[in-house]
Amino acid sequence: MKTRKQAIDKSAAKCGRRILISVAALLLAITCLLTLLAWPKNKNEANKAAVSFPIFDDPLALVLTPQTGDSRNDREISRLQQQIRNGRNLELGFEQLGWAFVAKARESFDPGFYKLAEQCAWCIEKRNSQSQEAMLLRAYVLQNLHCFKESETLARRLVQQRGLSFDYGLLGDALMEQGKLSDAVEAYQRMMNLKPDLRAYARAAHMRWLKGDLAGAIEAMQLAASAASPSDAESAAWVNTRLAFYGFQAGHVDEAERRCAFALSLQNNYAPTLLLKGKMLLAQNRFPEAVEALQNAAKLSPLPEYQWTLAEALRAVGRENEASGIEVQLRKHGPSTDPRTLALFLATRRQNPETALRLARAELRSRGDVFTHDALAWSLAAAGNLAEAHREMQRALAEGTQDARLFFHAAVIASRTGHAADAQRWLGKTSELSQLLLPSERIELQNAAARGVEKKPSIASNFQNSFSPVQIPRGKPNPNLKPQAKQK
């Protein structure tokens, strides 16, 4: 037992390096300052303090660091911290505080709060080394730090020991991220059988979408949205945002916009919704409005996907210097915050293909889903390793996922490896979902389609320059770039 736990902790520590050091440093500095301020000034005061308060270990000092902010989650964190300071029902208090930190991480998109939740699990385990509640909390944190194999190990132990609905959901998540979709489906079905609620419906929807069943995904996510509660505004906003994305993919733009507006009414300034709203505005060539939405989204969640999309919008309105500045930040922080998206960005821009390839290969060691295989395939193609790129692209397409970027990459790679018929087929599928692409990708798609019309006999040669950097027209909307009326 000790050896297994040490292995898990070692892997978690390795994954934790992705978390920004500044968060931990700030919390440590605050903790030290509070410790100095609270230090007893004489022996009598020290004796009195020893009687009045329990002696806390280091993880406890960290989780009891006062939080700034006045949101509902901030107030709940402060209340639970005070409850623990008072020494009341400590094990339950630590469990509730850990999940409050998780809620704060989801609300703020600050992964440092996941590390605080992990410290709460440590505090529980100090008092009860066999605590299943601590195991669940730790497994959830590992999942969100992209330590999927370690999360799977703990989730399997939970399933064996008690088998609650959320245990199966967590196991399914870890399996899905590693590309083990058949096993994930089985775990999700067990979850659904035990408790058909928002969490189960949302996972069923995502699995259907991964398998290429958009209509089934919409049906399941509608059930998730109908099961949402205003008391959990973040979850309600998330499922409505995801439902809006499915509608956008299906070409139901008006309905998608209404879903986004509803999600923002539930959770004001919700970054995922603002990102989707910005992408839909880009698809309609409403570039200034897209910039506004995406600036707000990237400010709330400065992750590579947000920054990449914002840079595209800024270039579309001629704000080249700002776009370049955003991309500098993307390259600087991307390796720790989202290496997979950074790999895709670098390969698309044809910048540092060796770095893109290194990041994609490293990601595949822990994350084997279709999008990681796509990132590796695209990076391999950018680096000139076309044979291996073609093999990886087949793995990315194997589940039948209907995704415009997957199809676009497949078309380019098929063309460059001499598979002309496949290139033409994937190009057609990309065109059907072109509204989901970024502006520069849509322009390159149009260029590829035009070359294909001119030179049908040699599709392979049509894509030889597909990796060339694309310049987005400055402030000149393209009237041909419009959402599809419906999905075929």
Protein backbone atom coordinates (compact mmCIF):
# COMPACT_ATOMS: atom_id res chain seq x y z
CA MET A 1 0.00 0.00 0.00
CA LYS A 2 2.78 2.39 0.94
CA THR A 3 4.69 1.72 -2.28
CA ARG A 4 1.59 2.35 -4.44
CA LYS A 5 0.81 5.55 -2.60
CA GLN A 6 4.39 6.77 -2.98
CA ALA A 7 4.24 6.06 -6.73
CA ILE A 8 1.00 8.02 -7.07
CA ASP A 9 2.34 10.93 -5.05
CA LYS A 10 5.53 10.98 -7.13
CA SER A 11 3.53 11.12 -10.37
CA ALA A 12 1.28 13.82 -8.96
CA ALA A 13 4.30 15.88 -8.01
CA LYS A 14 5.65 15.54 -11.53
CA CYS A 15 2.36 16.71 -13.02
CA GLY A 16 2.18 19.51 -10.50
CA ARG A 17 5.12 21.21 -12.19
CA ARG A 18 2.66 22.44 -14.78
CA ILE A 19 1.06 24.67 -12.16
CA LEU A 20 2.33 28.22 -12.11
CA ILE A 21 4.97 28.67 -9.42
CA SER A 22 3.71 32.15 -8.61
CA VAL A 23 0.51 30.81 -7.04
CA ALA A 24 2.33 28.62 -4.56
CA ALA A 25 4.92 31.29 -3.86
CA LEU A 26 2.25 33.85 -3.06
CA LEU A 27 0.40 31.49 -0.74
CA LEU A 28 3.64 30.56 1.02
CA ALA A 29 4.58 34.19 1.53
CA ILE A 30 1.16 34.96 3.01
CA THR A 31 1.40 31.93 5.28
CA CYS A 32 4.80 32.97 6.58
CA LEU A 33 3.61 36.51 7.22
CA LEU A 34 0.55 35.31 9.12
CA THR A 35 2.71 32.95 11.16
CA LEU A 36 5.04 35.79 12.17
CA LEU A 37 2.15 38.08 13.07
CA ALA A 38 0.50 35.37 15.16
CA TRP A 39 3.71 34.33 16.99
CA PRO A 40 3.25 34.65 20.80
CA LYS A 41 5.20 37.50 22.33
CA ASN A 42 5.91 35.85 25.68
CA LYS A 43 5.83 32.48 27.41
CA ASN A 44 2.41 32.96 29.03
CA GLU A 45 0.89 33.91 25.71
CA ALA A 46 2.52 30.87 24.12
CA ASN A 47 1.03 28.57 26.76
CA LYS A 48 -2.37 30.16 26.30
CA ALA A 49 -2.15 29.73 22.51
CA ALA A 50 -1.23 26.07 22.92
CA VAL A 51 -4.37 25.51 24.98
CA SER A 52 -6.71 27.52 22.72
CA PHE A 53 -5.70 26.25 19.27
CA PRO A 54 -4.68 22.90 17.79
CA ILE A 55 -1.14 22.55 16.44
CA PHE A 56 -1.37 22.55 12.63
CA ASP A 57 0.99 20.82 10.20
CA ASP A 58 2.24 22.50 7.01
CA PRO A 59 -0.57 21.37 4.65
CA LEU A 60 -3.07 22.72 7.13
CA ALA A 61 -1.33 26.06 7.34
CA LEU A 62 -1.53 26.30 3.58
CA VAL A 63 -5.24 25.49 3.26
CA LEU A 64 -6.08 27.90 6.07
CA THR A 65 -4.43 30.84 4.33
CA PRO A 66 -7.14 33.54 4.10
CA GLN A 67 -8.57 34.00 0.61
CA THR A 68 -9.29 37.31 -1.05
CA GLY A 69 -12.45 37.89 -3.02
CA ASP A 70 -16.13 38.13 -2.21
CA SER A 71 -17.76 35.55 -4.43
CA ARG A 72 -20.05 32.87 -3.08
CA ASN A 73 -17.19 30.37 -3.24
CA ASP A 74 -14.84 32.75 -1.43
CA ARG A 75 -17.30 33.16 1.41
CA GLU A 76 -17.82 29.41 1.66
CA ILE A 77 -14.06 28.85 1.79
CA SER A 78 -13.71 31.39 4.59
CA ARG A 79 -16.55 29.80 6.55
CA LEU A 80 -15.05 26.33 6.29
CA GLN A 81 -11.59 27.60 7.21
CA GLN A 82 -13.01 29.15 10.36
CA GLN A 83 -14.86 25.93 11.18
CA ILE A 84 -11.58 24.03 10.98
CA ARG A 85 -9.78 26.62 13.10
CA ASN A 86 -12.46 26.10 15.72
CA GLY A 87 -11.66 22.37 15.69
CA ARG A 88 -15.20 21.25 14.80
CA ASN A 89 -15.71 18.07 12.75
CA LEU A 90 -12.29 18.34 11.13
CA GLU A 91 -12.43 15.46 8.66
CA LEU A 92 -15.74 16.58 7.16
CA GLY A 93 -14.50 20.17 7.21
CA PHE A 94 -11.41 19.30 5.20
CA GLU A 95 -13.48 17.35 2.69
CA GLN A 96 -15.90 20.23 2.20
CA LEU A 97 -13.06 22.76 2.01
CA GLY A 98 -11.32 20.65 -0.63
CA TRP A 99 -14.39 20.63 -2.85
CA ALA A 100 -14.84 24.37 -2.24
CA PHE A 101 -11.32 24.87 -3.60
CA VAL A 102 -12.26 22.70 -6.60
CA ALA A 103 -15.29 24.91 -7.21
CA LYS A 104 -13.05 27.97 -6.96
CA ALA A 105 -10.63 26.48 -9.48
CA ARG A 106 -13.47 25.87 -11.93
CA GLU A 107 -14.83 29.36 -11.36
CA SER A 108 -11.51 31.20 -11.60
CA PHE A 109 -9.62 28.90 -14.01
CA ASP A 110 -6.70 29.11 -11.58
CA PRO A 111 -5.15 25.62 -11.24
CA GLY A 112 -3.47 26.65 -8.00
CA PHE A 113 -6.74 25.97 -6.21
CA TYR A 114 -6.54 22.33 -7.29
CA LYS A 115 -3.26 22.12 -5.39
CA LEU A 116 -5.00 23.54 -2.33
CA ALA A 117 -7.69 20.88 -2.72
CA GLU A 118 -4.93 18.28 -2.85
CA GLN A 119 -3.56 19.61 0.45
CA CYS A 120 -7.01 19.12 1.96
CA ALA A 121 -6.83 15.47 0.93
CA TRP A 122 -3.46 15.25 2.71
CA CYS A 123 -5.02 16.69 5.86
CA ILE A 124 -7.79 14.07 5.79
CA GLU A 125 -5.29 11.26 5.25
CA LYS A 126 -3.23 12.41 8.23
CA ARG A 127 -6.24 11.58 10.38
CA ASN A 128 -7.62 8.65 8.37
CA SER A 129 -5.20 6.99 5.95
CA GLN A 130 -8.01 4.83 4.48
CA SER A 131 -10.42 7.70 3.81
CA GLN A 132 -12.37 7.14 0.61
CA GLU A 133 -13.40 10.80 0.62
CA ALA A 134 -9.74 11.83 0.51
CA MET A 135 -9.10 9.30 -2.25
CA LEU A 136 -11.94 10.71 -4.36
CA LEU A 137 -10.77 14.29 -3.84
CA ARG A 138 -7.19 13.41 -4.75
CA ALA A 139 -8.29 11.46 -7.84
CA TYR A 140 -10.36 14.41 -9.04
CA VAL A 141 -7.42 16.78 -8.55
CA LEU A 142 -5.10 14.44 -10.46
CA GLN A 143 -7.64 14.30 -13.29
CA ASN A 144 -7.70 18.07 -13.57
CA LEU A 145 -3.90 18.26 -13.47
CA HIS A 146 -3.89 15.85 -16.45
CA CYS A 147 -2.40 12.98 -14.45
CA PHE A 148 -4.86 10.54 -16.00
CA LYS A 149 -3.10 7.27 -15.29
CA GLU A 150 -2.72 8.11 -11.61
CA SER A 151 -6.35 9.25 -11.44
CA GLU A 152 -7.43 5.96 -13.05
CA THR A 153 -5.57 3.97 -10.38
CA LEU A 154 -7.41 5.73 -7.56
CA ALA A 155 -10.75 5.63 -9.38
CA ARG A 156 -10.48 1.86 -9.82
CA ARG A 157 -9.81 1.47 -6.10
CA LEU A 158 -12.90 3.54 -5.33
CA VAL A 159 -15.02 1.50 -7.72
CA GLN A 160 -13.84 -1.72 -6.10
CA GLN A 161 -14.35 -0.47 -2.55
CA ARG A 162 -17.73 1.26 -2.85
CA GLY A 163 -18.78 1.83 -6.50
CA LEU A 164 -20.72 5.09 -6.23
CA SER A 165 -22.00 6.90 -9.30
CA PHE A 166 -19.33 9.60 -9.27
CA ASP A 167 -16.59 6.97 -8.79
CA TYR A 168 -17.58 5.45 -12.13
CA GLY A 169 -17.77 8.91 -13.71
CA LEU A 170 -14.26 9.72 -12.59
CA LEU A 171 -13.00 6.37 -13.88
CA GLY A 172 -14.70 6.97 -17.23
CA ASP A 173 -13.10 10.41 -17.50
CA ALA A 174 -9.61 9.03 -16.90
CA LEU A 175 -10.15 6.26 -19.44
CA MET A 176 -11.64 8.60 -22.03
CA GLU A 177 -8.69 11.00 -21.83
CA GLN A 178 -6.34 8.07 -22.43
CA GLY A 179 -8.26 7.05 -25.53
CA LYS A 180 -9.79 3.92 -23.97
CA LEU A 181 -13.28 4.73 -25.18
CA SER A 182 -14.82 1.24 -24.95
CA ASP A 183 -13.85 0.97 -21.28
CA ALA A 184 -14.99 4.54 -20.70
CA VAL A 185 -18.41 3.79 -22.19
CA GLU A 186 -18.80 0.87 -19.81
CA ALA A 187 -17.89 3.03 -16.80
CA TYR A 188 -20.27 5.80 -17.88
CA GLN A 189 -23.09 3.30 -18.36
CA ARG A 190 -22.59 2.08 -14.79
CA MET A 191 -22.71 5.70 -13.67
CA MET A 192 -25.94 6.28 -15.58
CA ASN A 193 -27.52 3.14 -14.15
CA LEU A 194 -26.74 4.24 -10.61
CA LYS A 195 -27.75 7.89 -10.93
CA PRO A 196 -29.03 9.44 -14.18
CA ASP A 197 -28.30 13.10 -13.46
CA LEU A 198 -26.62 16.11 -15.06
CA ARG A 199 -23.14 14.63 -14.71
CA ALA A 200 -24.14 11.31 -16.29
CA TYR A 201 -26.08 12.91 -19.15
CA ALA A 202 -23.23 15.33 -19.93
CA ARG A 203 -20.71 12.49 -20.12
CA ALA A 204 -23.03 10.47 -22.34
CA ALA A 205 -23.37 13.49 -24.64
CA HIS A 206 -19.64 13.97 -24.93
CA MET A 207 -19.08 10.29 -25.65
CA ARG A 208 -21.71 10.35 -28.40
CA TRP A 209 -20.04 13.43 -29.88
CA LEU A 210 -16.63 11.73 -29.83
CA LYS A 211 -18.18 8.79 -31.67
CA GLY A 212 -19.58 11.08 -34.38
CA ASP A 213 -23.22 11.05 -33.23
CA LEU A 214 -24.04 14.76 -33.13
CA ALA A 215 -27.82 14.26 -32.93
CA GLY A 216 -27.38 11.84 -30.03
CA ALA A 217 -25.02 14.27 -28.31
CA ILE A 218 -27.60 17.06 -28.57
CA GLU A 219 -30.32 14.80 -27.17
CA ALA A 220 -28.24 13.77 -24.15
CA MET A 221 -26.99 17.28 -23.46
CA GLN A 222 -30.56 18.59 -23.54
CA LEU A 223 -31.31 16.15 -20.72
CA ALA A 224 -28.27 17.46 -18.85
CA ALA A 225 -29.41 21.05 -19.30
CA SER A 226 -32.93 20.21 -18.10
CA ALA A 227 -31.43 18.61 -14.99
CA ALA A 228 -29.29 21.67 -14.17
CA SER A 229 -29.93 23.65 -11.01
CA PRO A 230 -29.36 27.39 -10.43
CA SER A 231 -27.71 26.43 -7.14
CA ASP A 232 -24.82 25.03 -9.20
CA ALA A 233 -24.55 27.87 -11.69
CA GLU A 234 -21.14 26.87 -13.05
CA SER A 235 -22.27 23.37 -14.02
CA ALA A 236 -25.49 24.74 -15.51
CA ALA A 237 -23.51 27.29 -17.54
CA TRP A 238 -21.11 24.59 -18.73
CA VAL A 239 -23.77 22.19 -20.04
CA ASN A 240 -25.63 25.02 -21.78
CA THR A 241 -22.38 26.19 -23.38
CA ARG A 242 -21.62 22.70 -24.59
CA LEU A 243 -25.16 22.38 -25.95
CA ALA A 244 -24.65 25.71 -27.75
CA PHE A 245 -21.48 24.32 -29.34
CA TYR A 246 -23.34 21.27 -30.62
CA GLY A 247 -25.98 23.57 -32.09
CA PHE A 248 -23.30 25.71 -33.70
CA GLN A 249 -21.75 22.63 -35.29
CA ALA A 250 -25.17 21.56 -36.58
CA GLY A 251 -25.66 25.00 -38.14
CA HIS A 252 -28.36 26.13 -35.68
CA VAL A 253 -26.68 29.47 -35.01
CA ASP A 254 -29.70 31.29 -33.59
CA GLU A 255 -30.33 28.54 -31.06
CA ALA A 256 -26.64 28.43 -30.17
CA GLU A 257 -26.64 32.17 -29.53
CA ARG A 258 -29.68 31.86 -27.26
CA ARG A 259 -27.98 29.08 -25.30
CA CYS A 260 -24.88 31.23 -24.86
CA ALA A 261 -26.96 34.14 -23.60
CA PHE A 262 -28.69 31.85 -21.12
CA ALA A 263 -25.37 30.43 -19.91
CA LEU A 264 -24.06 33.96 -19.31
CA SER A 265 -27.22 34.79 -17.36
CA LEU A 266 -26.42 31.85 -15.07
CA GLN A 267 -22.71 32.58 -14.73
CA ASN A 268 -21.74 36.13 -15.58
CA ASN A 269 -18.52 36.44 -17.59
CA TYR A 270 -18.15 32.67 -17.94
CA ALA A 271 -14.98 32.18 -19.98
CA PRO A 272 -15.96 29.04 -21.98
CA THR A 273 -19.19 30.74 -23.08
CA LEU A 274 -17.38 33.91 -24.09
CA LEU A 275 -14.89 31.83 -26.07
CA LEU A 276 -17.67 30.06 -27.96
CA LYS A 277 -19.49 33.35 -28.51
CA GLY A 278 -16.31 34.83 -29.95
CA LYS A 279 -15.83 31.87 -32.29
CA MET A 280 -19.40 32.16 -33.56
CA LEU A 281 -18.89 35.87 -34.21
CA LEU A 282 -15.68 35.09 -36.11
CA ALA A 283 -17.60 32.61 -38.24
CA GLN A 284 -20.04 35.39 -39.15
CA ASN A 285 -17.19 37.84 -39.90
CA ARG A 286 -18.32 40.09 -37.04
CA PHE A 287 -14.70 40.66 -36.10
CA PRO A 288 -14.90 43.74 -33.80
CA GLU A 289 -17.61 42.07 -31.69
CA ALA A 290 -15.54 38.89 -31.61
CA VAL A 291 -12.53 40.79 -30.31
CA GLU A 292 -14.54 42.18 -27.40
CA ALA A 293 -15.88 38.78 -26.36
CA LEU A 294 -12.53 37.05 -26.78
CA GLN A 295 -10.60 39.70 -24.87
CA ASN A 296 -12.89 39.15 -21.91
CA ALA A 297 -12.56 35.38 -22.25
CA ALA A 298 -8.75 35.45 -22.44
CA LYS A 299 -8.53 37.80 -19.48
CA LEU A 300 -10.55 35.35 -17.39
CA SER A 301 -8.79 32.25 -18.71
CA PRO A 302 -5.37 33.01 -20.27
CA LEU A 303 -4.96 29.55 -21.77
CA PRO A 304 -3.48 28.89 -25.25
CA GLU A 305 -6.82 28.11 -26.90
CA TYR A 306 -8.24 31.43 -25.74
CA GLN A 307 -5.12 33.38 -26.67
CA TRP A 308 -4.82 31.78 -30.11
CA THR A 309 -8.43 32.60 -30.94
CA LEU A 310 -8.06 36.17 -29.67
CA ALA A 311 -4.91 36.69 -31.75
CA GLU A 312 -6.80 35.59 -34.86
CA ALA A 313 -9.60 38.06 -34.11
CA LEU A 314 -7.14 40.90 -33.50
CA ARG A 315 -5.40 40.24 -36.80
CA ALA A 316 -8.75 40.22 -38.58
CA VAL A 317 -9.30 43.86 -37.50
CA GLY A 318 -5.73 44.91 -38.28
CA ARG A 319 -4.36 45.01 -34.72
CA GLU A 320 -1.19 43.14 -35.61
CA ASN A 321 0.97 44.35 -32.71
CA GLU A 322 -1.58 43.27 -30.11
CA ALA A 323 -1.99 39.90 -31.80
CA SER A 324 1.77 39.35 -31.78
CA GLY A 325 1.93 40.29 -28.10
CA ILE A 326 -0.76 37.77 -27.24
CA GLU A 327 1.11 35.07 -29.14
CA VAL A 328 4.29 35.85 -27.21
CA GLN A 329 2.41 35.08 -24.00
CA LEU A 330 0.97 31.94 -25.60
CA ARG A 331 4.43 30.62 -26.43
CA LYS A 332 5.80 31.59 -23.03
CA HIS A 333 3.18 29.93 -20.82
CA GLY A 334 1.77 27.29 -23.19
CA PRO A 335 4.29 24.54 -22.30
CA SER A 336 3.01 24.49 -18.71
CA THR A 337 -0.65 25.39 -19.18
CA ASP A 338 -1.67 23.48 -22.35
CA PRO A 339 1.20 21.87 -24.29
CA ARG A 340 -1.12 20.13 -26.73
CA THR A 341 -2.71 23.34 -27.98
CA LEU A 342 0.68 25.03 -28.13
CA ALA A 343 1.96 22.14 -30.28
CA LEU A 344 -0.99 22.63 -32.65
CA PHE A 345 -0.39 26.38 -32.76
CA LEU A 346 3.31 26.05 -33.53
CA ALA A 347 2.70 23.41 -36.20
CA THR A 348 -0.04 25.53 -37.81
CA ARG A 349 2.16 28.63 -37.81
CA ARG A 350 5.13 26.51 -38.89
CA GLN A 351 7.22 27.85 -36.07
CA ASN A 352 9.61 25.66 -34.07
CA PRO A 353 8.34 22.32 -35.44
CA GLU A 354 10.84 20.47 -33.24
CA THR A 355 9.31 22.07 -30.13
CA ALA A 356 5.81 21.24 -31.34
CA LEU A 357 6.83 17.63 -31.89
CA ARG A 358 8.46 17.36 -28.47
CA LEU A 359 5.38 18.76 -26.73
CA ALA A 360 2.99 16.49 -28.64
CA ARG A 361 5.04 13.36 -27.94
CA ALA A 362 5.25 14.20 -24.24
CA GLU A 363 1.49 14.77 -24.10
CA LEU A 364 0.80 11.42 -25.72
CA ARG A 365 2.59 9.64 -22.87
CA SER A 366 -0.25 10.58 -20.52
CA ARG A 367 -3.12 11.48 -22.85
CA GLY A 368 -4.03 9.21 -25.73
CA ASP A 369 -7.32 10.61 -27.02
CA VAL A 370 -8.03 11.46 -30.66
CA PHE A 371 -7.05 15.11 -30.26
CA THR A 372 -3.63 14.25 -28.88
CA HIS A 373 -3.05 11.89 -31.81
CA ASP A 374 -4.13 14.75 -34.10
CA ALA A 375 -1.68 17.15 -32.43
CA LEU A 376 1.12 14.65 -32.88
CA ALA A 377 0.18 13.96 -36.50
CA TRP A 378 0.08 17.68 -37.30
CA SER A 379 3.41 18.28 -35.56
CA LEU A 380 5.01 15.36 -37.40
CA ALA A 381 3.79 16.76 -40.70
CA ALA A 382 5.18 20.18 -39.85
CA ALA A 383 8.51 18.54 -39.05
CA GLY A 384 8.49 16.72 -42.38
CA ASN A 385 7.89 13.19 -41.05
CA LEU A 386 4.97 12.47 -43.36
CA ALA A 387 4.80 8.68 -43.12
CA GLU A 388 4.47 8.73 -39.34
CA ALA A 389 2.11 11.70 -39.56
CA HIS A 390 -0.21 9.67 -41.79
CA ARG A 391 -0.23 6.76 -39.31
CA GLU A 392 -1.01 9.06 -36.38
CA MET A 393 -3.75 10.78 -38.34
CA GLN A 394 -5.46 7.44 -38.90
CA ARG A 395 -5.52 6.96 -35.12
CA ALA A 396 -7.02 10.41 -34.71
CA LEU A 397 -9.81 9.58 -37.14
CA ALA A 398 -10.47 6.06 -35.85
CA GLU A 399 -13.38 6.89 -33.53
CA GLY A 400 -15.39 8.77 -36.14
CA THR A 401 -15.23 12.14 -34.36
CA GLN A 402 -16.79 14.87 -36.52
CA ASP A 403 -14.39 17.78 -36.06
CA ALA A 404 -13.43 20.35 -38.67
CA ARG A 405 -9.81 20.67 -37.58
CA LEU A 406 -9.33 16.90 -37.58
CA PHE A 407 -10.70 16.73 -41.12
CA PHE A 408 -8.60 19.69 -42.28
CA HIS A 409 -5.40 18.13 -40.94
CA ALA A 410 -6.38 14.79 -42.47
CA ALA A 411 -6.85 16.44 -45.88
CA VAL A 412 -3.46 18.14 -45.78
CA ILE A 413 -1.59 15.06 -44.58
CA ALA A 414 -3.36 12.74 -47.04
CA SER A 415 -2.50 15.08 -49.88
CA ARG A 416 1.15 15.36 -48.89
CA THR A 417 1.48 11.59 -48.63
CA GLY A 418 -0.04 11.00 -52.05
CA HIS A 419 -3.49 9.77 -50.97
CA ALA A 420 -5.38 11.98 -53.41
CA ALA A 421 -8.82 10.41 -53.02
CA ASP A 422 -8.64 10.62 -49.22
CA ALA A 423 -7.48 14.22 -49.43
CA GLN A 424 -10.47 15.14 -51.56
CA ARG A 425 -12.86 13.32 -49.23
CA TRP A 426 -11.51 15.01 -46.08
CA LEU A 427 -11.49 18.37 -47.82
CA GLY A 428 -15.21 17.96 -48.52
CA LYS A 429 -15.93 17.05 -44.91
CA THR A 430 -13.93 20.06 -43.71
CA SER A 431 -15.96 22.36 -45.97
CA GLU A 432 -19.19 21.11 -44.38
CA LEU A 433 -17.94 22.21 -40.94
CA SER A 434 -15.86 25.20 -41.99
CA GLN A 435 -17.61 27.52 -39.51
CA LEU A 436 -15.77 25.72 -36.71
CA LEU A 437 -12.33 26.69 -38.02
CA LEU A 438 -10.38 29.80 -37.14
CA PRO A 439 -10.23 32.56 -39.78
CA SER A 440 -6.74 31.67 -41.01
CA GLU A 441 -7.72 28.00 -41.27
CA ARG A 442 -10.85 28.86 -43.25
CA ILE A 443 -8.85 30.98 -45.64
CA GLU A 444 -6.35 28.18 -46.19
CA LEU A 445 -9.27 25.79 -46.70
CA GLN A 446 -10.68 28.09 -49.38
CA ASN A 447 -7.29 28.31 -51.06
CA ALA A 448 -6.96 24.52 -51.02
CA ALA A 449 -10.46 24.10 -52.46
CA ALA A 450 -9.71 26.61 -55.22
CA ARG A 451 -6.49 24.83 -56.12
CA GLY A 452 -8.41 21.54 -56.17
CA VAL A 453 -10.91 22.92 -58.68
CA GLU A 454 -8.10 24.16 -60.91
CA LYS A 455 -6.02 20.97 -60.79
CA LYS A 456 -8.27 18.01 -60.09
CA PRO A 457 -5.85 15.40 -61.48
CA SER A 458 -3.19 16.17 -58.88
CA ILE A 459 -4.71 16.75 -55.48
CA ALA A 460 -1.39 16.02 -53.77
CA SER A 461 0.31 18.99 -55.38
CA ASN A 462 -2.56 21.25 -54.39
CA PHE A 463 -1.63 21.04 -50.74
CA GLN A 464 2.14 21.32 -50.97
CA ASN A 465 2.02 24.80 -49.42
CA SER A 466 -0.66 24.07 -46.83
CA PHE A 467 1.80 24.73 -44.01
CA SER A 468 2.72 28.16 -45.32
CA PRO A 469 1.96 30.96 -42.82
CA VAL A 470 -1.43 32.47 -43.61
CA GLN A 471 -2.06 36.21 -43.56
CA ILE A 472 -5.57 37.17 -42.54
CA PRO A 473 -7.01 40.10 -44.56
CA ARG A 474 -6.93 43.17 -42.35
CA GLY A 475 -10.44 44.30 -41.54
CA LYS A 476 -11.94 42.94 -44.76
CA PRO A 477 -14.67 40.42 -43.99
CA ASN A 478 -14.94 37.59 -46.47
CA PRO A 479 -18.60 37.32 -47.54
CA ASN A 480 -18.14 33.67 -48.46
CA LEU A 481 -17.33 32.58 -44.90
CA LYS A 482 -20.70 31.84 -43.34
CA PRO A 483 -22.02 29.10 -41.06
CA GLN A 484 -23.46 26.10 -42.84
CA ALA A 485 -27.23 25.92 -42.97
CA LYS A 486 -27.19 22.42 -41.57
CA GLN A 487 -24.94 19.45 -40.94
CA LYS A 488 -25.03 16.80 -43.62
